[in-house]
Structures are given as C-alpha cells and as structure tokens.
C-alpha cells in the first residue's frame, strides 16, 4: 500500500451493538503534506457514558505529530510529538512515552489505520510497535505494545494487544480505514 496522504474522506462507525450504544463521525483531509483527522464520538465504556471530540495531525509518513482530545465532561489532553518518539503531554515532556510513534484512542478504530498505513506491511509480514494508548473516558495516556500482521496486505490485518492478549482481524478499505472491528465497531454506509 502506498503512503500518499491526499485523502478526503468522511467515515462513520456505530458500536457493534448499534448506534444507541455508540456512534462516531470522522473527517479526513489533507493538510501541509500530511493529514488532519477530526472526529466526534458518543459512546460508553463500562457504565460511563461520554462524548469525545478529537483532532489528529499526521505528517506525510502517517506519524502522529499532534493530538487534541476533549470530553464533554471537561477532560482535555494535548499530545505533541516530533515524529521520532519524543512526546509532550499538555506541554510537559513525557519520558514514559519514549519510542512511541503512533497513538491508539480506545474509543475509535480510526487510530488502527495509522500503523497499518505507516508500516506498509507485505502479506504475512508482522511488526511489533510501541504506542501511546489513550483510555476512555479519563484520557489517561500510557505506553503500550501491539503487533500488526498483514493477513492480506491492503485488505485484512490482525491486531494484537501484547499486554492483554486481545486479538482482532480488521478488514480495511482501499485507503486502509477499518471497515468492521468485530465486537466493537461497524462501518456505516
């Protein structure tokens, strides 16, 4: 899969159990040679209902350079990266996130696309990555280790959380955006 970032997309997902359990709207637009991704999520984690808006700025290599997240209850998280694995959280250096290139926002499948596109794996190829995992609804950031495997490069990938053992097979569209995330998200339209 080529790296180009000249992508204009509007994507919607519902929670696996339907829109009443959760809904997301995402706009993807080119910006300064990279991408600007903006989304709104209405969801529930355990018994906590929440609303989230986020904006991600990616460079031309699909590396996260900035992430701004806000919940409707007032939590705010601002992450900035040099694209080489050095991070600031709300303006403060975060050595615990050293080596992370990607982010994974618990409430959305959009962030699975970032390593899928950035790694550009061939069929059968697998790679472990370290990334910034953002839990919901508290917006707590921690480093996490994951593995992506191209089962059918450009159309099907296996995601594995190396800490929890959680695994999912993720079908993607022609641009690498998740179609369905079994048990969690369904693409609408």
N, C-alpha and C. Protein backbone atom coordinates (compact mmCIF):
# COMPACT_ATOMS: atom_id res chain seq x y z
N UNK A 1 0.86 -1.17 0.00
CA UNK A 1 0.00 0.00 0.00
C UNK A 1 0.90 1.23 0.00
N UNK A 2 0.65 2.15 -0.89
CA UNK A 2 1.46 3.38 -0.97
C UNK A 2 1.13 4.30 0.21
N UNK A 3 2.01 5.24 0.48
CA UNK A 3 1.88 6.13 1.62
C UNK A 3 1.05 7.38 1.35
N UNK A 4 0.65 7.74 0.13
CA UNK A 4 0.05 9.05 -0.15
C UNK A 4 -0.99 9.47 0.88
N UNK A 5 -0.99 10.78 1.16
CA UNK A 5 -1.91 11.33 2.15
C UNK A 5 -2.91 12.30 1.53
N UNK A 6 -3.04 12.31 0.21
CA UNK A 6 -4.01 13.18 -0.44
C UNK A 6 -5.37 12.46 -0.40
N UNK A 7 -5.96 12.45 0.80
CA UNK A 7 -7.18 11.70 1.04
C UNK A 7 -8.24 12.63 1.61
N UNK A 8 -9.41 12.60 1.01
CA UNK A 8 -10.58 13.30 1.52
C UNK A 8 -11.61 12.23 1.85
N UNK A 9 -11.94 12.06 3.12
CA UNK A 9 -12.90 11.03 3.49
C UNK A 9 -13.79 11.52 4.62
N UNK A 10 -15.02 11.05 4.62
CA UNK A 10 -15.92 11.18 5.75
C UNK A 10 -16.35 9.75 6.08
N UNK A 11 -16.16 9.36 7.33
CA UNK A 11 -16.41 7.97 7.75
C UNK A 11 -17.28 7.99 8.98
N UNK A 12 -18.18 7.01 9.08
CA UNK A 12 -18.99 6.84 10.28
C UNK A 12 -18.97 5.38 10.70
N UNK A 13 -18.87 5.20 12.02
CA UNK A 13 -18.98 3.88 12.62
C UNK A 13 -20.05 3.93 13.70
N UNK A 14 -20.68 2.79 13.93
CA UNK A 14 -21.53 2.64 15.11
C UNK A 14 -20.88 1.60 16.00
N UNK A 15 -21.30 1.58 17.26
CA UNK A 15 -20.88 0.50 18.13
C UNK A 15 -21.42 -0.80 17.53
N UNK A 16 -20.77 -1.90 17.81
CA UNK A 16 -21.16 -3.20 17.25
C UNK A 16 -22.64 -3.49 17.55
N UNK A 17 -23.11 -3.06 18.72
CA UNK A 17 -24.50 -3.31 19.13
C UNK A 17 -25.48 -2.27 18.62
N UNK A 18 -25.01 -1.33 17.80
CA UNK A 18 -25.90 -0.34 17.21
C UNK A 18 -25.62 1.08 17.67
N UNK A 19 -26.23 2.03 16.95
CA UNK A 19 -25.98 3.46 17.20
C UNK A 19 -26.37 3.89 18.60
N UNK A 20 -27.38 3.24 19.19
CA UNK A 20 -27.77 3.63 20.54
C UNK A 20 -26.66 3.33 21.55
N UNK A 21 -25.74 2.41 21.23
CA UNK A 21 -24.62 2.08 22.11
C UNK A 21 -23.38 2.94 21.82
N UNK A 22 -23.35 3.59 20.65
CA UNK A 22 -22.21 4.44 20.32
C UNK A 22 -22.20 4.80 18.85
N UNK A 23 -21.63 5.97 18.54
CA UNK A 23 -21.58 6.46 17.17
C UNK A 23 -20.37 7.36 17.02
N UNK A 24 -19.75 7.32 15.83
CA UNK A 24 -18.60 8.18 15.55
C UNK A 24 -18.71 8.76 14.14
N UNK A 25 -18.31 10.02 14.01
CA UNK A 25 -18.22 10.69 12.73
C UNK A 25 -16.80 11.24 12.61
N UNK A 26 -16.13 10.97 11.47
CA UNK A 26 -14.74 11.37 11.26
C UNK A 26 -14.60 12.04 9.89
N UNK A 27 -13.85 13.14 9.86
CA UNK A 27 -13.47 13.79 8.61
C UNK A 27 -11.96 13.69 8.47
N UNK A 28 -11.50 13.26 7.29
CA UNK A 28 -10.08 13.13 6.99
C UNK A 28 -9.77 14.06 5.83
N UNK A 29 -8.80 14.96 6.01
CA UNK A 29 -8.47 15.96 5.00
C UNK A 29 -6.96 16.14 4.90
N UNK A 30 -6.44 16.40 3.69
CA UNK A 30 -5.01 16.70 3.54
C UNK A 30 -4.68 18.03 4.23
N UNK A 31 -3.47 18.10 4.79
CA UNK A 31 -3.01 19.32 5.44
C UNK A 31 -1.48 19.35 5.46
N UNK A 32 -0.89 20.36 4.89
CA UNK A 32 0.56 20.57 4.93
C UNK A 32 1.35 19.31 4.58
N UNK A 33 0.94 18.57 3.58
CA UNK A 33 1.63 17.36 3.16
C UNK A 33 1.27 16.13 3.97
N UNK A 34 0.49 16.30 5.01
CA UNK A 34 0.05 15.20 5.85
C UNK A 34 -1.46 15.14 5.88
N UNK A 35 -2.02 14.77 7.03
CA UNK A 35 -3.47 14.67 7.17
C UNK A 35 -3.93 15.34 8.45
N UNK A 36 -5.14 15.86 8.38
CA UNK A 36 -5.86 16.38 9.54
C UNK A 36 -7.07 15.47 9.70
N UNK A 37 -7.19 14.83 10.85
CA UNK A 37 -8.31 13.92 11.13
C UNK A 37 -9.07 14.48 12.31
N UNK A 38 -10.37 14.75 12.11
CA UNK A 38 -11.22 15.28 13.18
C UNK A 38 -12.40 14.36 13.36
N UNK A 39 -12.73 14.08 14.63
CA UNK A 39 -13.84 13.18 14.88
C UNK A 39 -14.60 13.52 16.14
N UNK A 40 -15.83 12.99 16.19
CA UNK A 40 -16.70 13.12 17.34
C UNK A 40 -17.23 11.73 17.67
N UNK A 41 -17.14 11.36 18.95
CA UNK A 41 -17.58 10.04 19.42
C UNK A 41 -18.60 10.24 20.53
N UNK A 42 -19.67 9.47 20.46
CA UNK A 42 -20.64 9.38 21.56
C UNK A 42 -20.64 7.90 21.91
N UNK A 43 -20.25 7.56 23.15
CA UNK A 43 -20.07 6.14 23.45
C UNK A 43 -20.22 5.87 24.94
N UNK A 44 -19.91 4.62 25.29
CA UNK A 44 -19.99 4.18 26.66
C UNK A 44 -18.85 3.21 26.90
N UNK A 45 -18.15 3.35 28.03
CA UNK A 45 -17.11 2.42 28.45
C UNK A 45 -17.52 1.91 29.82
N UNK A 46 -17.81 0.61 29.91
CA UNK A 46 -18.40 0.04 31.12
C UNK A 46 -19.69 0.80 31.40
N UNK A 47 -19.82 1.43 32.57
CA UNK A 47 -21.06 2.17 32.88
C UNK A 47 -20.94 3.66 32.63
N UNK A 48 -19.78 4.10 32.14
CA UNK A 48 -19.56 5.54 31.93
C UNK A 48 -19.91 5.95 30.51
N UNK A 49 -20.91 6.81 30.36
CA UNK A 49 -21.25 7.38 29.06
C UNK A 49 -20.40 8.62 28.87
N UNK A 50 -19.95 8.86 27.63
CA UNK A 50 -19.12 10.03 27.39
C UNK A 50 -19.26 10.52 25.96
N UNK A 51 -18.88 11.78 25.78
CA UNK A 51 -18.75 12.39 24.47
C UNK A 51 -17.30 12.81 24.31
N UNK A 52 -16.76 12.65 23.12
CA UNK A 52 -15.36 12.96 22.86
C UNK A 52 -15.23 13.64 21.51
N UNK A 53 -14.47 14.72 21.46
CA UNK A 53 -14.07 15.28 20.18
C UNK A 53 -12.55 15.19 20.13
N UNK A 54 -12.02 14.94 18.94
CA UNK A 54 -10.57 14.84 18.81
C UNK A 54 -10.13 15.38 17.46
N UNK A 55 -8.86 15.79 17.44
CA UNK A 55 -8.23 16.25 16.20
C UNK A 55 -6.81 15.72 16.19
N UNK A 56 -6.46 15.03 15.11
CA UNK A 56 -5.13 14.46 14.94
C UNK A 56 -4.45 15.12 13.76
N UNK A 57 -3.18 15.44 13.93
CA UNK A 57 -2.38 15.95 12.82
C UNK A 57 -1.29 14.93 12.54
N UNK A 58 -1.26 14.45 11.30
CA UNK A 58 -0.28 13.45 10.88
C UNK A 58 0.67 14.06 9.87
N UNK A 59 1.90 13.58 9.84
CA UNK A 59 2.82 14.03 8.80
C UNK A 59 2.67 13.13 7.57
N UNK A 60 3.48 13.35 6.56
CA UNK A 60 3.37 12.62 5.29
C UNK A 60 3.66 11.13 5.43
N UNK A 61 4.30 10.71 6.53
CA UNK A 61 4.61 9.30 6.76
C UNK A 61 3.63 8.63 7.72
N UNK A 62 2.49 9.26 7.96
CA UNK A 62 1.43 8.75 8.82
C UNK A 62 1.84 8.70 10.29
N UNK A 63 2.83 9.51 10.68
CA UNK A 63 3.22 9.59 12.09
C UNK A 63 2.38 10.67 12.77
N UNK A 64 1.90 10.38 13.97
CA UNK A 64 1.13 11.36 14.72
C UNK A 64 2.06 12.45 15.21
N UNK A 65 1.74 13.68 14.88
CA UNK A 65 2.53 14.83 15.33
C UNK A 65 1.81 15.61 16.42
N UNK A 66 0.47 15.55 16.41
CA UNK A 66 -0.30 16.25 17.43
C UNK A 66 -1.66 15.58 17.58
N UNK A 67 -2.13 15.53 18.83
CA UNK A 67 -3.47 15.00 19.13
C UNK A 67 -4.09 15.89 20.20
N UNK A 68 -5.29 16.36 19.93
CA UNK A 68 -6.03 17.16 20.89
C UNK A 68 -7.36 16.46 21.12
N UNK A 69 -7.61 16.06 22.36
CA UNK A 69 -8.83 15.35 22.73
C UNK A 69 -9.54 16.11 23.83
N UNK A 70 -10.88 16.17 23.74
CA UNK A 70 -11.71 16.83 24.75
C UNK A 70 -12.95 15.97 24.99
N UNK A 71 -13.26 15.74 26.25
CA UNK A 71 -14.52 15.06 26.56
C UNK A 71 -15.56 16.11 26.94
N UNK A 72 -16.81 15.74 26.83
CA UNK A 72 -17.87 16.68 27.18
C UNK A 72 -17.91 16.96 28.68
N UNK A 73 -17.26 16.09 29.48
CA UNK A 73 -17.21 16.32 30.93
C UNK A 73 -16.05 17.23 31.34
N UNK A 74 -15.24 17.68 30.37
CA UNK A 74 -14.21 18.65 30.67
C UNK A 74 -12.78 18.16 30.66
N UNK A 75 -12.54 16.87 30.47
CA UNK A 75 -11.16 16.38 30.37
C UNK A 75 -10.55 16.86 29.05
N UNK A 76 -9.29 17.30 29.09
CA UNK A 76 -8.58 17.74 27.89
C UNK A 76 -7.21 17.08 27.89
N UNK A 77 -6.80 16.60 26.72
CA UNK A 77 -5.48 16.02 26.55
C UNK A 77 -4.87 16.59 25.27
N UNK A 78 -3.67 17.12 25.39
CA UNK A 78 -2.96 17.65 24.23
C UNK A 78 -1.60 16.95 24.17
N UNK A 79 -1.40 16.13 23.13
CA UNK A 79 -0.13 15.44 22.91
C UNK A 79 0.55 16.04 21.69
N UNK A 80 1.87 16.21 21.78
CA UNK A 80 2.67 16.66 20.66
C UNK A 80 3.88 15.75 20.53
N UNK A 81 4.27 15.46 19.29
CA UNK A 81 5.40 14.58 19.05
C UNK A 81 6.30 15.15 17.96
N UNK A 82 7.57 14.80 18.03
CA UNK A 82 8.50 15.18 16.97
C UNK A 82 8.50 14.16 15.83
N UNK A 83 7.67 13.11 15.94
CA UNK A 83 7.61 12.06 14.92
C UNK A 83 8.71 11.03 15.06
N UNK A 84 9.60 11.22 16.05
CA UNK A 84 10.72 10.31 16.28
C UNK A 84 10.60 9.58 17.63
N UNK A 85 9.44 9.71 18.28
CA UNK A 85 9.22 9.01 19.54
C UNK A 85 9.41 9.83 20.79
N UNK A 86 9.47 11.16 20.67
CA UNK A 86 9.55 12.05 21.83
C UNK A 86 8.22 12.78 21.95
N UNK A 87 7.64 12.79 23.16
CA UNK A 87 6.30 13.32 23.36
C UNK A 87 6.23 14.35 24.47
N UNK A 88 5.30 15.27 24.30
CA UNK A 88 4.89 16.19 25.35
C UNK A 88 3.40 15.98 25.59
N UNK A 89 3.02 15.96 26.86
CA UNK A 89 1.61 15.86 27.24
C UNK A 89 1.23 17.15 27.96
N UNK A 90 0.32 17.89 27.39
CA UNK A 90 -0.11 19.17 27.95
C UNK A 90 1.10 20.06 28.25
N UNK A 91 2.08 20.06 27.32
CA UNK A 91 3.24 20.94 27.41
C UNK A 91 4.41 20.40 28.22
N UNK A 92 4.29 19.21 28.80
CA UNK A 92 5.36 18.64 29.62
C UNK A 92 5.95 17.40 28.96
N UNK A 93 7.29 17.32 28.96
CA UNK A 93 7.97 16.14 28.40
C UNK A 93 7.47 14.87 29.09
N UNK A 94 7.33 13.80 28.30
CA UNK A 94 6.85 12.53 28.83
C UNK A 94 7.84 11.40 28.49
N UNK A 95 8.87 11.21 29.31
CA UNK A 95 9.86 10.16 29.05
C UNK A 95 9.24 8.76 29.00
N UNK A 96 8.13 8.54 29.71
CA UNK A 96 7.49 7.21 29.71
C UNK A 96 6.94 6.84 28.33
N UNK A 97 6.77 7.84 27.46
CA UNK A 97 6.23 7.59 26.12
C UNK A 97 7.34 7.51 25.07
N UNK A 98 8.59 7.56 25.53
CA UNK A 98 9.75 7.49 24.63
C UNK A 98 9.64 6.27 23.69
N UNK A 99 9.83 6.50 22.42
CA UNK A 99 9.80 5.42 21.43
C UNK A 99 8.45 5.18 20.80
N UNK A 100 7.40 5.82 21.31
CA UNK A 100 6.07 5.67 20.72
C UNK A 100 5.98 6.54 19.47
N UNK A 101 5.45 5.98 18.40
CA UNK A 101 5.26 6.75 17.17
C UNK A 101 3.76 7.00 16.95
N UNK A 102 2.95 5.99 17.17
CA UNK A 102 1.51 6.07 16.92
C UNK A 102 0.75 6.32 18.21
N UNK A 103 -0.55 6.61 18.07
CA UNK A 103 -1.45 6.66 19.21
C UNK A 103 -2.59 5.67 18.95
N UNK A 104 -3.23 5.24 20.04
CA UNK A 104 -4.40 4.38 19.96
C UNK A 104 -5.42 4.95 20.93
N UNK A 105 -6.46 5.58 20.39
CA UNK A 105 -7.54 6.11 21.21
C UNK A 105 -8.55 4.98 21.39
N UNK A 106 -8.77 4.55 22.61
CA UNK A 106 -9.62 3.40 22.92
C UNK A 106 -10.99 3.46 22.25
N UNK A 107 -11.55 4.64 22.07
CA UNK A 107 -12.93 4.79 21.63
C UNK A 107 -13.12 4.81 20.11
N UNK A 108 -12.05 4.63 19.32
CA UNK A 108 -12.22 4.75 17.88
C UNK A 108 -11.32 3.80 17.09
N UNK A 109 -11.83 3.26 15.99
CA UNK A 109 -10.99 2.43 15.12
C UNK A 109 -10.12 3.25 14.15
N UNK A 110 -10.29 4.57 14.13
CA UNK A 110 -9.50 5.38 13.19
C UNK A 110 -8.02 5.25 13.48
N UNK A 111 -7.66 5.10 14.77
CA UNK A 111 -6.23 5.06 15.10
C UNK A 111 -5.58 3.73 14.73
N UNK A 112 -6.36 2.70 14.41
CA UNK A 112 -5.76 1.46 13.88
C UNK A 112 -5.21 1.68 12.48
N UNK A 113 -5.80 2.62 11.75
CA UNK A 113 -5.34 2.91 10.39
C UNK A 113 -3.92 3.48 10.37
N UNK A 114 -3.56 4.23 11.41
CA UNK A 114 -2.26 4.91 11.41
C UNK A 114 -1.10 3.93 11.30
N UNK A 115 -0.98 2.91 12.18
CA UNK A 115 0.12 1.95 11.99
C UNK A 115 -0.05 1.08 10.75
N UNK A 116 -1.29 0.76 10.38
CA UNK A 116 -1.49 -0.04 9.17
C UNK A 116 -0.89 0.69 7.97
N UNK A 117 -1.17 1.98 7.84
CA UNK A 117 -0.62 2.75 6.72
C UNK A 117 0.87 3.01 6.87
N UNK A 118 1.29 3.37 8.08
CA UNK A 118 2.70 3.72 8.30
C UNK A 118 3.63 2.52 8.10
N UNK A 119 3.22 1.35 8.57
CA UNK A 119 4.07 0.16 8.48
C UNK A 119 4.13 -0.41 7.07
N UNK A 120 3.06 -0.27 6.29
CA UNK A 120 3.01 -0.74 4.91
C UNK A 120 3.53 -2.17 4.78
N UNK A 121 2.93 -3.08 5.57
CA UNK A 121 3.38 -4.48 5.63
C UNK A 121 3.00 -5.27 4.38
N UNK A 122 3.88 -6.18 3.98
CA UNK A 122 3.57 -7.13 2.92
C UNK A 122 2.79 -8.30 3.50
N UNK A 123 2.09 -9.05 2.67
CA UNK A 123 1.30 -10.21 3.12
C UNK A 123 2.17 -11.15 3.93
N UNK A 124 1.67 -11.52 5.13
CA UNK A 124 2.40 -12.41 6.02
C UNK A 124 3.38 -11.71 6.94
N UNK A 125 3.70 -10.46 6.65
CA UNK A 125 4.66 -9.72 7.47
C UNK A 125 3.99 -9.21 8.74
N UNK A 126 4.76 -9.15 9.82
CA UNK A 126 4.26 -8.75 11.12
C UNK A 126 5.25 -7.78 11.75
N UNK A 127 4.73 -6.83 12.56
CA UNK A 127 5.63 -5.90 13.24
C UNK A 127 5.04 -5.51 14.59
N UNK A 128 5.92 -5.50 15.62
CA UNK A 128 5.54 -5.02 16.94
C UNK A 128 5.83 -3.53 17.02
N UNK A 129 4.92 -2.81 17.64
CA UNK A 129 5.10 -1.37 17.81
C UNK A 129 4.82 -0.97 19.25
N UNK A 130 5.39 0.15 19.64
CA UNK A 130 5.12 0.77 20.94
C UNK A 130 4.37 2.06 20.62
N UNK A 131 3.27 2.30 21.32
CA UNK A 131 2.45 3.47 21.03
C UNK A 131 1.86 4.06 22.28
N UNK A 132 1.27 5.24 22.12
CA UNK A 132 0.57 5.94 23.20
C UNK A 132 -0.87 5.45 23.21
N UNK A 133 -1.27 4.73 24.27
CA UNK A 133 -2.63 4.25 24.41
C UNK A 133 -3.40 5.24 25.27
N UNK A 134 -4.56 5.69 24.78
CA UNK A 134 -5.36 6.68 25.49
C UNK A 134 -6.67 6.02 25.92
N UNK A 135 -6.84 5.85 27.24
CA UNK A 135 -8.04 5.20 27.76
C UNK A 135 -9.18 6.20 27.89
N UNK A 136 -10.38 5.67 27.85
CA UNK A 136 -11.59 6.49 27.92
C UNK A 136 -12.37 6.11 29.16
N UNK A 137 -13.12 7.02 29.76
CA UNK A 137 -13.30 8.42 29.37
C UNK A 137 -12.33 9.38 30.06
N UNK A 138 -11.33 8.85 30.79
CA UNK A 138 -10.44 9.69 31.59
C UNK A 138 -9.27 10.32 30.84
N UNK A 139 -9.04 9.89 29.59
CA UNK A 139 -7.94 10.40 28.76
C UNK A 139 -6.56 10.18 29.40
N UNK A 140 -6.38 9.04 30.04
CA UNK A 140 -5.08 8.68 30.62
C UNK A 140 -4.23 8.07 29.52
N UNK A 141 -2.98 8.54 29.41
CA UNK A 141 -2.06 8.06 28.37
C UNK A 141 -1.02 7.15 29.00
N UNK A 142 -0.78 6.02 28.34
CA UNK A 142 0.29 5.12 28.76
C UNK A 142 0.91 4.48 27.52
N UNK A 143 2.14 4.05 27.65
CA UNK A 143 2.79 3.34 26.56
C UNK A 143 2.25 1.92 26.51
N UNK A 144 2.03 1.40 25.31
CA UNK A 144 1.53 0.04 25.13
C UNK A 144 2.25 -0.60 23.94
N UNK A 145 2.31 -1.92 23.96
CA UNK A 145 2.93 -2.67 22.88
C UNK A 145 1.86 -3.45 22.12
N UNK A 146 1.89 -3.33 20.80
CA UNK A 146 0.93 -4.00 19.94
C UNK A 146 1.66 -4.64 18.77
N UNK A 147 0.96 -5.55 18.11
CA UNK A 147 1.51 -6.18 16.91
C UNK A 147 0.45 -6.11 15.81
N UNK A 148 0.91 -5.77 14.61
CA UNK A 148 0.07 -5.80 13.42
C UNK A 148 0.65 -6.81 12.46
N UNK A 149 -0.22 -7.63 11.85
CA UNK A 149 0.18 -8.61 10.86
C UNK A 149 -0.70 -8.43 9.63
N UNK A 150 -0.08 -8.36 8.45
CA UNK A 150 -0.85 -8.27 7.20
C UNK A 150 -1.27 -9.68 6.81
N UNK A 151 -2.53 -10.00 6.98
CA UNK A 151 -3.04 -11.30 6.55
C UNK A 151 -3.25 -11.31 5.04
N UNK A 152 -3.76 -10.20 4.53
CA UNK A 152 -3.93 -9.96 3.10
C UNK A 152 -3.63 -8.47 2.90
N UNK A 153 -2.38 -8.15 2.57
CA UNK A 153 -1.92 -6.76 2.52
C UNK A 153 -2.90 -5.88 1.74
N UNK A 154 -3.29 -4.79 2.36
CA UNK A 154 -4.20 -3.85 1.72
C UNK A 154 -5.66 -4.12 2.00
N UNK A 155 -5.98 -5.29 2.63
CA UNK A 155 -7.40 -5.55 2.88
C UNK A 155 -7.72 -6.23 4.22
N UNK A 156 -6.75 -6.94 4.85
CA UNK A 156 -7.05 -7.62 6.12
C UNK A 156 -5.80 -7.68 6.99
N UNK A 157 -5.95 -7.23 8.26
CA UNK A 157 -4.84 -7.17 9.20
C UNK A 157 -5.25 -7.78 10.53
N UNK A 158 -4.29 -8.42 11.21
CA UNK A 158 -4.53 -8.90 12.56
C UNK A 158 -3.91 -7.88 13.52
N UNK A 159 -4.72 -7.46 14.49
CA UNK A 159 -4.28 -6.56 15.56
C UNK A 159 -4.14 -7.39 16.83
N UNK A 160 -3.04 -7.17 17.57
CA UNK A 160 -2.85 -7.85 18.84
C UNK A 160 -2.35 -6.86 19.89
N UNK A 161 -3.01 -6.84 21.03
CA UNK A 161 -2.51 -6.10 22.18
C UNK A 161 -1.61 -7.06 22.93
N UNK A 162 -0.32 -6.76 23.02
CA UNK A 162 0.62 -7.69 23.62
C UNK A 162 0.49 -7.74 25.14
N UNK A 163 -0.07 -6.70 25.76
CA UNK A 163 -0.28 -6.73 27.22
C UNK A 163 -1.50 -7.56 27.60
N UNK A 164 -2.62 -7.34 26.92
CA UNK A 164 -3.86 -8.00 27.32
C UNK A 164 -4.11 -9.32 26.59
N UNK A 165 -3.46 -9.53 25.46
CA UNK A 165 -3.71 -10.73 24.66
C UNK A 165 -4.91 -10.59 23.72
N UNK A 166 -5.56 -9.43 23.73
CA UNK A 166 -6.70 -9.18 22.84
C UNK A 166 -6.23 -9.23 21.39
N UNK A 167 -7.01 -9.90 20.54
CA UNK A 167 -6.70 -10.03 19.11
C UNK A 167 -7.96 -9.78 18.30
N UNK A 168 -7.80 -9.11 17.15
CA UNK A 168 -8.93 -8.89 16.23
C UNK A 168 -8.42 -8.89 14.81
N UNK A 169 -9.23 -9.41 13.90
CA UNK A 169 -8.92 -9.32 12.48
C UNK A 169 -9.71 -8.16 11.91
N UNK A 170 -8.97 -7.22 11.27
CA UNK A 170 -9.56 -5.96 10.83
C UNK A 170 -9.56 -5.86 9.31
N UNK A 171 -10.73 -5.97 8.67
CA UNK A 171 -10.80 -5.69 7.25
C UNK A 171 -10.73 -4.18 7.04
N UNK A 172 -10.01 -3.74 6.01
CA UNK A 172 -9.87 -2.31 5.72
C UNK A 172 -10.28 -2.02 4.29
N UNK A 173 -10.60 -0.74 4.03
CA UNK A 173 -10.94 -0.33 2.67
C UNK A 173 -9.67 0.00 1.88
N UNK A 174 -9.83 0.53 0.68
CA UNK A 174 -8.70 0.80 -0.21
C UNK A 174 -7.72 1.84 0.34
N UNK A 175 -8.16 2.65 1.31
CA UNK A 175 -7.28 3.64 1.93
C UNK A 175 -6.73 3.19 3.28
N UNK A 176 -7.07 1.96 3.69
CA UNK A 176 -6.57 1.43 4.96
C UNK A 176 -7.43 1.75 6.17
N UNK A 177 -8.63 2.30 5.96
CA UNK A 177 -9.53 2.61 7.07
C UNK A 177 -10.35 1.37 7.43
N UNK A 178 -10.48 1.11 8.72
CA UNK A 178 -11.17 -0.08 9.21
C UNK A 178 -12.63 -0.09 8.75
N UNK A 179 -13.04 -1.24 8.19
CA UNK A 179 -14.44 -1.42 7.81
C UNK A 179 -15.25 -1.86 9.02
N UNK A 180 -14.88 -2.99 9.60
CA UNK A 180 -15.54 -3.50 10.80
C UNK A 180 -14.47 -3.96 11.78
N UNK A 181 -14.76 -3.75 13.05
CA UNK A 181 -13.88 -4.17 14.13
C UNK A 181 -14.74 -5.13 14.95
N UNK A 182 -14.66 -6.43 14.66
CA UNK A 182 -15.61 -7.41 15.24
C UNK A 182 -15.78 -7.27 16.75
N UNK A 183 -17.04 -7.14 17.16
CA UNK A 183 -17.40 -7.00 18.55
C UNK A 183 -17.37 -5.57 19.07
N UNK A 184 -16.75 -4.65 18.31
CA UNK A 184 -16.63 -3.26 18.80
C UNK A 184 -17.26 -2.22 17.90
N UNK A 185 -16.91 -2.20 16.59
CA UNK A 185 -17.38 -1.15 15.69
C UNK A 185 -17.83 -1.72 14.35
N UNK A 186 -18.86 -1.10 13.78
CA UNK A 186 -19.33 -1.42 12.43
C UNK A 186 -19.30 -0.14 11.60
N UNK A 187 -18.80 -0.26 10.39
CA UNK A 187 -18.79 0.89 9.48
C UNK A 187 -20.21 1.12 8.96
N UNK A 188 -20.61 2.37 8.88
CA UNK A 188 -21.92 2.75 8.34
C UNK A 188 -21.73 3.30 6.94
N UNK A 189 -22.57 2.91 6.03
CA UNK A 189 -22.55 3.46 4.68
C UNK A 189 -21.39 3.15 3.83
